[in-house]
Protein backbone atom coordinates (compact mmCIF):
# COMPACT_ATOMS: atom_id res chain seq x y z
CA MET A 1 5.21 -36.94 21.24
CA ALA A 2 3.08 -40.01 21.68
CA SER A 3 4.23 -42.21 24.54
CA ASP A 4 2.20 -45.34 23.76
CA SER A 5 4.68 -47.96 22.56
CA SER A 6 1.93 -49.72 20.60
CA THR A 7 1.51 -46.83 18.16
CA LYS A 8 3.19 -46.90 14.75
CA LYS A 9 6.15 -44.67 13.97
CA VAL A 10 6.46 -44.03 10.26
CA LYS A 11 8.70 -42.04 7.94
CA VAL A 12 6.68 -39.16 6.48
CA CYS A 13 7.43 -36.65 3.74
CA VAL A 14 5.58 -33.33 4.03
CA VAL A 15 5.54 -31.34 0.79
CA GLY A 16 5.59 -27.62 1.55
CA ALA A 17 6.64 -25.49 4.54
CA GLY A 18 3.79 -23.03 4.58
CA LEU A 19 1.19 -22.91 7.36
CA ALA A 20 -0.32 -26.27 6.43
CA GLY A 21 3.03 -28.01 6.08
CA LEU A 22 4.35 -26.67 9.36
CA ALA A 23 1.14 -27.63 11.13
CA ALA A 24 1.56 -31.14 9.71
CA ALA A 25 5.21 -31.33 10.75
CA ARG A 26 4.46 -30.31 14.32
CA GLU A 27 1.59 -32.80 14.76
CA LEU A 28 3.48 -35.65 13.10
CA ARG A 29 6.48 -35.13 15.37
CA ARG A 30 4.20 -35.04 18.41
CA GLU A 31 3.01 -38.50 17.42
CA GLY A 32 6.62 -39.66 17.20
CA HIS A 33 6.88 -39.95 13.42
CA ASP A 34 10.10 -39.40 11.46
CA VAL A 35 9.40 -36.26 9.43
CA ALA A 36 11.07 -34.53 6.48
CA VAL A 37 9.54 -31.28 5.17
CA LEU A 38 10.56 -30.46 1.60
CA GLU A 39 10.26 -26.76 0.68
CA GLN A 40 11.26 -25.39 -2.70
CA ARG A 41 11.93 -21.84 -1.50
CA GLY A 42 14.68 -20.44 0.70
CA GLY A 43 12.49 -19.92 3.76
CA VAL A 44 9.36 -21.13 5.51
CA GLY A 45 5.99 -19.40 5.36
CA GLY A 46 4.53 -20.35 1.99
CA GLN A 47 2.59 -17.46 0.53
CA TRP A 48 3.52 -15.31 3.52
CA LEU A 49 7.16 -15.31 2.43
CA TYR A 50 6.97 -12.02 0.53
CA GLU A 51 8.64 -11.77 -2.89
CA GLU A 52 9.40 -8.18 -3.83
CA ASP A 53 10.73 -8.71 -7.35
CA THR A 54 8.10 -10.11 -9.71
CA ALA A 55 9.33 -8.39 -12.86
CA ILE A 56 7.44 -9.12 -16.04
CA ASP A 57 9.49 -10.10 -19.07
CA GLY A 58 8.67 -10.75 -22.70
CA THR A 59 8.15 -14.47 -22.24
CA ASP A 60 5.74 -14.04 -19.35
CA PRO A 61 3.27 -11.25 -20.20
CA LEU A 62 1.03 -12.01 -17.22
CA GLY A 63 3.89 -12.12 -14.75
CA VAL A 64 3.04 -15.47 -13.22
CA ALA A 65 5.97 -17.77 -14.02
CA GLY A 66 8.04 -18.63 -10.98
CA VAL A 67 6.15 -16.39 -8.55
CA GLN A 68 5.19 -18.31 -5.41
CA SER A 69 3.83 -15.68 -3.02
CA SER A 70 0.55 -13.85 -3.63
CA VAL A 71 1.28 -11.19 -1.01
CA TYR A 72 1.49 -7.52 -2.03
CA ALA A 73 3.45 -4.92 -0.09
CA SER A 74 0.54 -3.23 1.71
CA LEU A 75 -1.44 -6.39 2.52
CA ARG A 76 -2.95 -6.62 5.99
CA LEU A 77 -4.73 -9.61 7.48
CA ILE A 78 -8.53 -9.83 7.32
CA THR A 79 -8.84 -12.23 10.27
CA PRO A 80 -8.26 -10.83 13.80
CA ARG A 81 -4.94 -11.92 15.22
CA GLU A 82 -6.69 -13.10 18.39
CA ALA A 83 -8.34 -15.86 16.30
CA MET A 84 -5.46 -16.43 13.88
CA GLY A 85 -3.03 -18.57 15.80
CA PHE A 86 -2.32 -22.20 16.63
CA SER A 87 -4.35 -23.57 19.53
CA ASP A 88 -1.42 -23.51 21.96
CA PHE A 89 0.65 -20.70 20.41
CA PRO A 90 -1.30 -17.41 20.32
CA PHE A 91 -0.46 -14.80 17.69
CA ARG A 92 0.66 -12.22 20.23
CA PRO A 93 2.17 -8.89 19.11
CA SER A 94 5.88 -9.39 18.59
CA ALA A 95 8.37 -7.97 21.07
CA ARG A 96 10.34 -6.21 18.36
CA GLY A 97 9.53 -2.60 19.13
CA ALA A 98 9.33 -0.42 16.04
CA ASP A 99 9.75 -3.45 13.77
CA GLY A 100 6.60 -5.09 15.09
CA ASP A 101 2.95 -4.48 14.22
CA ALA A 102 0.67 -4.81 17.25
CA ARG A 103 -2.56 -4.03 15.41
CA ARG A 104 -5.46 -6.48 15.48
CA PHE A 105 -5.16 -6.81 11.70
CA PRO A 106 -1.40 -6.50 11.18
CA CYS A 107 0.66 -6.46 8.00
CA HIS A 108 1.87 -9.65 6.33
CA ALA A 109 5.40 -9.28 7.70
CA GLU A 110 4.10 -9.59 11.27
CA PHE A 111 2.41 -12.89 10.44
CA LEU A 112 5.57 -14.21 8.78
CA ARG A 113 7.46 -13.37 11.98
CA TYR A 114 4.86 -15.33 13.92
CA ILE A 115 5.32 -18.34 11.62
CA ARG A 116 9.07 -18.23 12.12
CA ASP A 117 8.63 -17.94 15.88
CA PHE A 118 6.36 -20.99 15.76
CA CYS A 119 9.08 -22.93 13.93
CA ASP A 120 11.68 -21.90 16.50
CA ALA A 121 9.42 -22.69 19.45
CA PHE A 122 8.79 -26.25 18.31
CA GLY A 123 12.14 -26.97 16.66
CA LEU A 124 10.64 -27.47 13.23
CA MET A 125 13.60 -26.15 11.28
CA ASP A 126 15.40 -29.34 12.29
CA VAL A 127 13.21 -31.26 9.82
CA VAL A 128 12.78 -28.65 7.05
CA ARG A 129 14.88 -28.95 3.89
CA LEU A 130 14.89 -25.57 2.18
CA ASN A 131 15.55 -24.99 -1.54
CA THR A 132 14.37 -28.54 -2.19
CA ARG A 133 11.83 -28.90 -4.97
CA VAL A 134 9.67 -32.00 -5.19
CA LEU A 135 9.69 -33.30 -8.74
CA ARG A 136 7.62 -36.44 -8.43
CA VAL A 137 5.59 -38.37 -5.88
CA ALA A 138 4.52 -41.85 -6.98
CA MET A 139 3.57 -45.18 -5.45
CA ALA A 140 6.62 -47.26 -4.58
CA PRO A 141 6.87 -50.70 -6.22
CA SER A 142 6.53 -52.48 -2.88
CA VAL A 143 4.18 -52.07 0.05
CA SER A 144 5.16 -52.03 3.70
CA SER A 145 5.94 -55.55 4.88
CA ARG A 146 4.69 -54.62 8.36
CA ASP A 147 1.11 -53.56 7.64
CA GLY A 148 0.55 -53.80 3.88
CA TRP A 149 0.30 -50.00 3.49
CA LEU A 150 1.28 -48.32 0.26
CA ARG A 151 4.67 -46.64 0.29
CA TRP A 152 5.84 -43.66 -1.74
CA THR A 153 8.82 -42.73 -3.87
CA VAL A 154 9.67 -39.04 -3.70
CA ARG A 155 12.10 -37.51 -6.17
CA SER A 156 13.40 -34.05 -5.25
CA LYS A 157 16.02 -31.59 -6.42
CA HIS A 158 18.33 -29.45 -4.29
CA GLY A 159 20.56 -27.25 -6.44
CA GLU A 160 21.66 -29.50 -9.27
CA VAL A 161 21.40 -32.70 -7.25
CA GLU A 162 18.37 -34.97 -7.62
CA THR A 163 17.52 -37.42 -4.86
CA GLU A 164 15.03 -40.27 -4.71
CA GLU A 165 13.75 -41.53 -1.35
CA VAL A 166 11.10 -43.95 -0.18
CA PHE A 167 8.65 -42.82 2.52
CA ASP A 168 5.95 -44.65 4.42
CA ALA A 169 3.57 -41.72 3.93
CA VAL A 170 3.29 -38.39 2.13
CA VAL A 171 1.38 -35.31 3.28
CA VAL A 172 0.70 -32.81 0.49
CA ALA A 173 0.57 -29.31 1.99
CA VAL A 174 1.45 -26.95 -0.85
CA GLY A 175 -1.45 -24.54 -0.48
CA HIS A 176 -3.56 -23.15 -3.29
CA TYR A 177 -2.42 -19.57 -3.88
CA SER A 178 0.45 -20.07 -6.31
CA GLN A 179 -1.23 -20.87 -9.65
CA PRO A 180 -3.27 -17.87 -10.90
CA ARG A 181 -6.69 -18.56 -12.34
CA LEU A 182 -7.28 -16.42 -15.42
CA PRO A 183 -10.55 -15.68 -17.24
CA THR A 184 -11.11 -16.29 -20.93
CA ILE A 185 -11.82 -12.97 -22.65
CA ASP A 186 -12.11 -12.32 -26.37
CA GLY A 187 -8.95 -10.53 -27.51
CA MET A 188 -7.02 -11.22 -24.33
CA ASP A 189 -4.20 -12.90 -26.24
CA ARG A 190 -3.87 -9.96 -28.66
CA TRP A 191 -4.16 -7.07 -26.21
CA ARG A 192 -0.80 -5.26 -26.35
CA ARG A 193 -0.98 -3.28 -23.13
CA ARG A 194 -0.16 -4.44 -19.63
CA GLN A 195 -2.00 -7.43 -18.15
CA LEU A 196 -1.19 -9.12 -14.88
CA HIS A 197 -2.80 -11.29 -12.26
CA CYS A 198 -2.90 -9.84 -8.75
CA HIS A 199 -0.59 -12.73 -7.83
CA SER A 200 2.27 -10.67 -9.26
CA TYR A 201 1.04 -7.26 -8.10
CA ARG A 202 3.22 -5.71 -5.39
CA VAL A 203 3.07 -1.88 -5.33
CA PRO A 204 0.98 0.77 -7.15
CA ASP A 205 3.81 3.08 -8.22
CA SER A 206 4.06 1.95 -11.86
CA PHE A 207 0.36 2.68 -12.42
CA HIS A 208 0.72 6.43 -11.79
CA GLY A 209 -1.58 8.46 -14.03
CA GLU A 210 -2.93 5.37 -15.82
CA VAL A 211 -6.41 4.05 -16.51
CA VAL A 212 -6.62 0.64 -14.86
CA VAL A 213 -9.29 -2.06 -15.06
CA VAL A 214 -9.42 -4.42 -12.08
CA VAL A 215 -11.27 -7.64 -12.84
CA GLY A 216 -13.00 -9.14 -9.81
CA CYS A 217 -14.58 -7.62 -6.71
CA SER A 218 -13.15 -10.08 -4.23
CA ILE A 219 -11.26 -8.99 -1.14
CA SER A 220 -8.03 -8.64 -3.10
CA GLY A 221 -9.81 -6.89 -5.97
CA ASN A 222 -11.31 -4.28 -3.66
CA ASP A 223 -8.06 -3.85 -1.72
CA ILE A 224 -5.97 -3.34 -4.85
CA ALA A 225 -8.52 -1.03 -6.48
CA LEU A 226 -8.55 1.13 -3.36
CA GLU A 227 -4.76 1.30 -3.39
CA LEU A 228 -4.54 2.04 -7.12
CA HIS A 229 -7.08 4.86 -7.08
CA ARG A 230 -4.59 6.99 -5.11
CA VAL A 231 -2.10 7.03 -8.00
CA ALA A 232 -4.10 6.10 -11.11
CA LYS A 233 -6.11 8.47 -13.26
CA GLU A 234 -9.11 6.11 -13.21
CA VAL A 235 -9.81 2.67 -11.76
CA HIS A 236 -12.66 0.58 -13.18
CA LEU A 237 -13.78 -2.42 -11.11
CA SER A 238 -15.26 -5.10 -13.35
CA ALA A 239 -17.75 -7.45 -11.67
CA LYS A 240 -19.60 -10.46 -13.06
CA SER A 241 -22.71 -9.00 -11.49
CA PRO A 242 -22.65 -5.31 -10.51
CA GLU A 243 -25.96 -5.88 -8.74
CA GLU A 244 -24.40 -8.47 -6.44
CA ALA A 245 -21.36 -6.26 -5.91
CA LEU A 246 -23.66 -3.47 -4.75
CA ALA A 247 -25.60 -5.80 -2.45
CA THR A 248 -23.18 -5.08 0.40
CA PRO A 249 -22.69 -1.53 1.71
CA THR A 250 -18.93 -1.61 1.20
CA MET A 251 -19.09 -1.13 -2.59
CA SER A 252 -21.47 1.80 -2.38
CA LYS A 253 -19.22 3.45 0.20
CA MET A 254 -16.13 2.92 -1.96
CA LEU A 255 -17.77 4.47 -5.01
CA SER A 256 -19.22 7.43 -3.11
CA ARG A 257 -15.87 8.28 -1.52
CA HIS A 258 -13.68 8.15 -4.61
CA ASP A 259 -14.61 9.97 -7.83
CA ASN A 260 -12.07 8.10 -9.94
CA LEU A 261 -13.34 4.65 -8.90
CA HIS A 262 -16.05 3.14 -11.11
CA LEU A 263 -18.03 -0.13 -11.12
CA ARG A 264 -18.44 -1.92 -14.45
CA PRO A 265 -19.99 -5.22 -15.58
CA ARG A 266 -17.87 -8.07 -16.94
CA ILE A 267 -15.49 -7.53 -19.86
CA VAL A 268 -16.63 -9.00 -23.18
CA ARG A 269 -13.72 -7.90 -25.36
CA LEU A 270 -10.20 -6.48 -25.23
CA CYS A 271 -9.23 -4.53 -28.36
CA GLU A 272 -5.71 -4.15 -29.68
CA ASP A 273 -5.92 -0.35 -29.44
CA GLY A 274 -6.40 -0.61 -25.67
CA THR A 275 -10.18 -0.36 -25.62
CA VAL A 276 -11.95 -2.50 -23.02
CA VAL A 277 -15.56 -3.32 -23.91
CA PHE A 278 -17.97 -4.20 -21.10
CA ALA A 279 -21.16 -6.29 -21.19
CA ASP A 280 -23.44 -3.22 -21.12
CA GLY A 281 -21.74 -1.76 -24.21
CA THR A 282 -19.70 0.85 -22.34
CA ARG A 283 -16.00 1.04 -23.05
CA VAL A 284 -12.83 2.64 -21.75
CA VAL A 285 -9.34 2.95 -23.15
CA ALA A 286 -7.13 1.37 -20.51
CA ASP A 287 -3.41 1.19 -19.88
CA ALA A 288 -3.53 -1.94 -17.74
CA VAL A 289 -5.79 -4.82 -16.68
CA VAL A 290 -5.28 -6.49 -13.29
CA TYR A 291 -7.00 -9.87 -12.88
CA CYS A 292 -8.13 -10.56 -9.31
CA THR A 293 -9.77 -13.80 -10.37
CA GLY A 294 -8.58 -16.39 -7.89
CA TYR A 295 -6.31 -19.39 -8.03
CA SER A 296 -6.24 -22.96 -9.32
CA TYR A 297 -5.41 -26.04 -7.30
CA THR A 298 -2.49 -27.78 -8.95
CA TYR A 299 -0.20 -30.67 -8.01
CA PRO A 300 2.17 -31.17 -10.98
CA PHE A 301 4.47 -33.43 -8.97
CA LEU A 302 1.79 -36.01 -8.12
CA ASP A 303 1.80 -39.15 -10.27
CA MET A 304 -1.36 -40.81 -9.03
CA GLY A 305 -2.49 -42.82 -12.03
CA GLY A 306 -5.94 -41.25 -11.90
CA HIS A 307 -6.58 -42.00 -8.22
CA VAL A 308 -6.65 -38.26 -7.46
CA THR A 309 -7.77 -35.66 -9.99
CA VAL A 310 -8.35 -31.89 -10.03
CA ASP A 311 -11.40 -30.74 -11.96
CA ASP A 312 -12.10 -27.01 -11.83
CA ASN A 313 -10.63 -26.79 -8.31
CA ARG A 314 -12.44 -29.89 -7.07
CA VAL A 315 -9.78 -32.24 -5.75
CA GLY A 316 -11.05 -35.74 -5.47
CA PRO A 317 -12.22 -38.05 -4.46
CA LEU A 318 -11.24 -36.98 -0.95
CA PHE A 319 -12.69 -38.18 2.34
CA GLU A 320 -13.18 -35.14 4.56
CA HIS A 321 -10.98 -33.05 2.21
CA VAL A 322 -7.96 -35.08 3.34
CA PHE A 323 -7.72 -38.75 2.35
CA PRO A 324 -8.05 -40.24 -1.17
CA PRO A 325 -10.03 -43.42 -0.33
CA SER A 326 -7.98 -45.76 -2.51
CA LEU A 327 -4.64 -44.42 -1.26
CA ALA A 328 -5.40 -43.80 2.41
CA PRO A 329 -3.94 -43.54 4.92
CA THR A 330 -0.45 -43.05 3.50
CA LEU A 331 -1.34 -40.20 1.13
CA SER A 332 -3.14 -37.20 2.56
CA PHE A 333 -3.74 -33.52 1.90
CA VAL A 334 -3.62 -30.79 4.53
CA GLY A 335 -4.76 -27.26 3.71
CA ILE A 336 -7.14 -27.78 0.79
CA PRO A 337 -10.24 -26.12 2.35
CA ALA A 338 -10.65 -22.38 1.84
CA LYS A 339 -12.62 -19.85 3.89
CA VAL A 340 -11.70 -21.48 7.17
CA VAL A 341 -9.97 -20.04 10.24
CA VAL A 342 -6.28 -20.68 9.77
CA PRO A 343 -4.07 -22.10 11.05
CA LEU A 344 -6.57 -23.80 13.39
CA PHE A 345 -8.31 -25.81 10.68
CA TYR A 346 -5.00 -26.95 9.23
CA GLU A 347 -3.91 -27.93 12.73
CA THR A 348 -7.07 -30.03 13.04
CA GLN A 349 -6.41 -31.85 9.77
CA ALA A 350 -2.75 -32.36 10.62
CA ARG A 351 -3.55 -33.84 14.03
CA TRP A 352 -6.00 -36.25 12.45
CA VAL A 353 -3.48 -37.39 9.84
CA ALA A 354 -0.78 -37.87 12.46
CA GLN A 355 -3.06 -39.93 14.68
CA VAL A 356 -4.32 -42.07 11.80
CA LEU A 357 -0.74 -42.86 10.77
CA SER A 358 0.19 -43.80 14.33
CA GLY A 359 -2.84 -46.06 14.63
CA ARG A 360 -4.57 -44.01 17.34
CA ARG A 361 -7.43 -43.21 14.96
CA ALA A 362 -9.02 -45.54 12.43
CA LEU A 363 -10.45 -44.67 9.04
CA PRO A 364 -13.58 -46.24 7.54
CA SER A 365 -13.14 -48.74 4.73
CA PRO A 366 -12.14 -47.35 1.30
CA GLU A 367 -15.68 -48.05 0.08
CA GLU A 368 -17.24 -46.10 2.94
CA MET A 369 -14.83 -43.20 2.46
CA LEU A 370 -15.59 -43.04 -1.26
CA ARG A 371 -19.31 -43.11 -0.55
CA ALA A 372 -18.96 -40.26 1.96
CA ALA A 373 -16.84 -38.20 -0.46
CA GLU A 374 -19.40 -38.64 -3.22
CA GLU A 375 -22.27 -37.76 -0.88
CA TYR A 376 -20.49 -34.56 0.15
CA VAL A 377 -20.08 -33.52 -3.50
CA ARG A 378 -23.71 -34.30 -4.29
CA GLY A 379 -24.78 -32.23 -1.31
CA ARG A 380 -22.74 -29.26 -2.50
CA GLU A 381 -24.16 -29.55 -5.98
CA ALA A 382 -27.71 -29.79 -4.66
CA ALA A 383 -27.06 -26.60 -2.69
CA GLY A 384 -26.05 -24.82 -5.88
CA VAL A 385 -22.37 -24.54 -4.98
CA ALA A 386 -20.17 -24.18 -8.06
CA LYS A 387 -17.64 -26.95 -8.62
CA ARG A 388 -14.71 -24.59 -8.12
CA HIS A 389 -16.02 -23.81 -4.62
CA THR A 390 -16.28 -27.44 -3.52
CA HIS A 391 -13.70 -26.92 -0.78
CA ASP A 392 -14.95 -23.50 0.38
CA ILE A 393 -16.41 -24.01 3.84
CA PHE A 394 -17.11 -20.66 5.55
CA ASP A 395 -18.99 -22.32 8.41
CA LEU A 396 -17.51 -22.21 11.91
CA ASP A 397 -19.96 -24.79 13.29
CA TYR A 398 -18.98 -27.21 10.50
CA CYS A 399 -15.33 -26.68 11.45
CA ASP A 400 -16.11 -27.43 15.09
CA ASP A 401 -17.97 -30.61 14.17
CA TYR A 402 -15.14 -31.59 11.81
CA GLY A 403 -12.61 -31.34 14.64
CA ASP A 404 -14.87 -33.31 16.98
CA ARG A 405 -15.39 -36.25 14.68
CA THR A 406 -11.88 -36.51 13.24
CA CYS A 407 -9.52 -36.03 16.18
CA GLY A 408 -11.35 -34.56 19.17
CA PHE A 409 -9.98 -31.09 18.44
CA PRO A 410 -11.18 -28.36 20.85
CA ARG A 411 -14.13 -26.32 19.63
CA LEU A 412 -13.63 -22.64 18.89
CA GLU A 413 -14.70 -20.61 21.88
CA ALA A 414 -17.87 -18.53 21.59
CA TRP A 415 -16.04 -15.22 21.99
CA LYS A 416 -13.67 -16.08 19.14
CA LYS A 417 -16.56 -17.08 16.90
CA GLU A 418 -18.25 -13.77 17.59
CA LEU A 419 -14.99 -11.92 16.95
CA VAL A 420 -14.55 -13.65 13.58
CA TRP A 421 -18.13 -13.10 12.45
CA SER A 422 -18.17 -9.47 13.59
CA SER A 423 -15.04 -8.89 11.50
CA VAL A 424 -16.64 -10.49 8.45
CA PHE A 425 -19.75 -8.36 8.77
CA ALA A 426 -17.67 -5.23 9.36
CA MET A 427 -15.64 -5.95 6.22
CA ARG A 428 -18.83 -6.32 4.19
CA ASP A 429 -20.01 -3.02 5.57
CA ASP A 430 -16.83 -1.00 5.02
CA VAL A 431 -13.72 -2.66 3.63
CA GLU A 432 -11.70 0.53 4.03
CA ALA A 433 -12.37 1.01 7.75
CA PHE A 434 -13.02 -2.39 9.35
CA ARG A 435 -9.40 -3.15 10.23
CA ASP A 436 -8.99 -0.03 12.35
CA ASP A 437 -12.51 0.95 13.43
CA PHE A 438 -14.12 -1.80 15.50
CA ARG A 439 -16.19 -2.15 18.66
CA ASP A 440 -16.06 -5.37 20.67
CA SER A 441 -19.13 -6.86 22.32
CA ASP A 442 -19.10 -7.67 26.03
CA LEU A 443 -18.61 -11.38 25.18
CA VAL A 444 -15.56 -10.64 23.03
CA ALA A 445 -14.12 -8.14 25.50
CA ASP A 446 -14.45 -10.66 28.33
CA GLY A 447 -12.71 -13.33 26.26
CA LEU A 448 -9.89 -10.94 25.39
CA ARG A 449 -9.39 -10.15 29.09
CA ARG A 450 -9.46 -13.77 30.22
CA HIS A 451 -6.84 -14.72 27.67
CA GLY A 452 -4.54 -11.79 28.35
CA TRP A 453 -5.16 -9.82 25.15
CA ILE A 454 -6.26 -6.72 27.06
CA PRO A 455 -5.37 -5.86 30.67
CA LEU A 456 -7.47 -6.94 33.61
CA ALA A 457 -7.95 -4.75 36.64
CA PRO A 458 -4.74 -4.37 38.72
CA SER A 459 -6.05 -6.82 41.32
CA GLN A 460 -6.44 -9.49 38.62
CA PRO A 461 -3.08 -10.02 36.90
CA PRO A 462 -3.50 -11.47 33.37
CA GLN A 463 -3.06 -15.22 33.09
CA PRO A 464 -2.94 -16.14 29.36
CA GLU A 465 -4.65 -19.40 28.49
CA ASP A 466 -4.87 -21.65 25.47
CA ASP A 467 -8.16 -22.47 23.76
CA ASP A 468 -8.98 -25.07 26.43
CA GLY A 469 -8.60 -22.54 29.25
CA ASN A 470 -5.26 -23.98 30.39
CA LYS A 471 -2.33 -21.85 31.44
CA LEU A 472 0.51 -21.82 28.93
CA GLU A 473 3.44 -22.84 31.15
CA GLY A 474 3.70 -26.21 29.43
CA VAL A 475 4.55 -24.96 25.94
CA PRO A 476 8.15 -24.59 24.75
CA ALA A 477 10.19 -21.62 25.96
CA MET A 478 9.57 -19.35 22.98
CA ALA A 479 5.84 -20.04 23.10
CA ALA A 480 5.66 -19.23 26.80
CA ARG A 481 7.67 -16.06 26.29
CA LEU A 482 5.40 -14.83 23.51
CA SER A 483 2.32 -15.70 25.49
């Protein structure tokens, strides 16, 4: 925690106990703030808290109502564990024997265990209120008498009891993988066979012997198609642009290996008899359509009076993806950017928010923040980036610069950058093999040795370090044990 008596200590509500919310809670507590994390589910972890039962009923034909997690049973990480941890709490293989997963790209359950260990190591469960759903966040009638900051009224529900509290600040950290984004297809509302978004897909068993159309050639689309082809009669992958889908070697390899896997253009019509018509005029009679078409940013509990809006996944205006200029610093968002290394980027944002609230960092004027937010959007548009990808970053140097200018966050080490990029390129080359068939460069291998991921020679006992090269004795007991 911050020791400077001149810093502010404020009462903060964090909405959500996924990776972003837990990162926020840890950094806020380190700055000495009074924190309450409100989480609607019965455990921490956000999307990583696997939900097995996502049964479809007659009132919910796409199987999306009430489902929070997007994780399917066989899901494995696509980022190497050596790069997928908090800066001072490495994602080491768990010491759980047969129950653990020591692979570089482990299953989702291993990452959830890591998240829980992180909570235990830093005492975060002391401030988490589970089964507490936030109903409304709105500006309080009065401002803080101390500094003139806006304050916030938060109404929540635990069981049948509703509670209203006033907080000095609110951090929104609900993630963006809970509201499925669905395409608009002619006949979609009249198609009588099975339709679901991958958000509610869990296991392939019920598709045995069926003809399945998977819409979208994203990572999840490819993963699910590859799993379904083992049990389905046929799997047809529908891409907006088959030419772009074939631009990377991975698609060609998938199609050449599996005779019942086919690439199709976009769907133009779904017929009531089960026929799926594609843009090139070809058609198949399908039993099911699985939409792997992404997610929508949504904040139904925010009552902002137009100060913050969501337009086709562009949340704004936001200064540096975090602060709404007219409501800063007491309203902030952590975890909006996609295609970043997590949880490190969330940790960066959380540290910045915590330090701004304590007064250790200053924000520009609202006018300057608005100008910067608008310039960022114009730059993205000029670069041809679609509105829905406004917050997609996919640039490790940008992330480093972001950490530098916002809170002095350590830059990602060169060996970790190379490890991340080599994994991305390997996935583009062969999505089926990259998680288990990899070769590390000398730079990566040296970094792994120096940080205790692989053994050194007997004369050089491993001394695990954090991202700054410091030994890890100073972290809490659980962190040191896992290191």
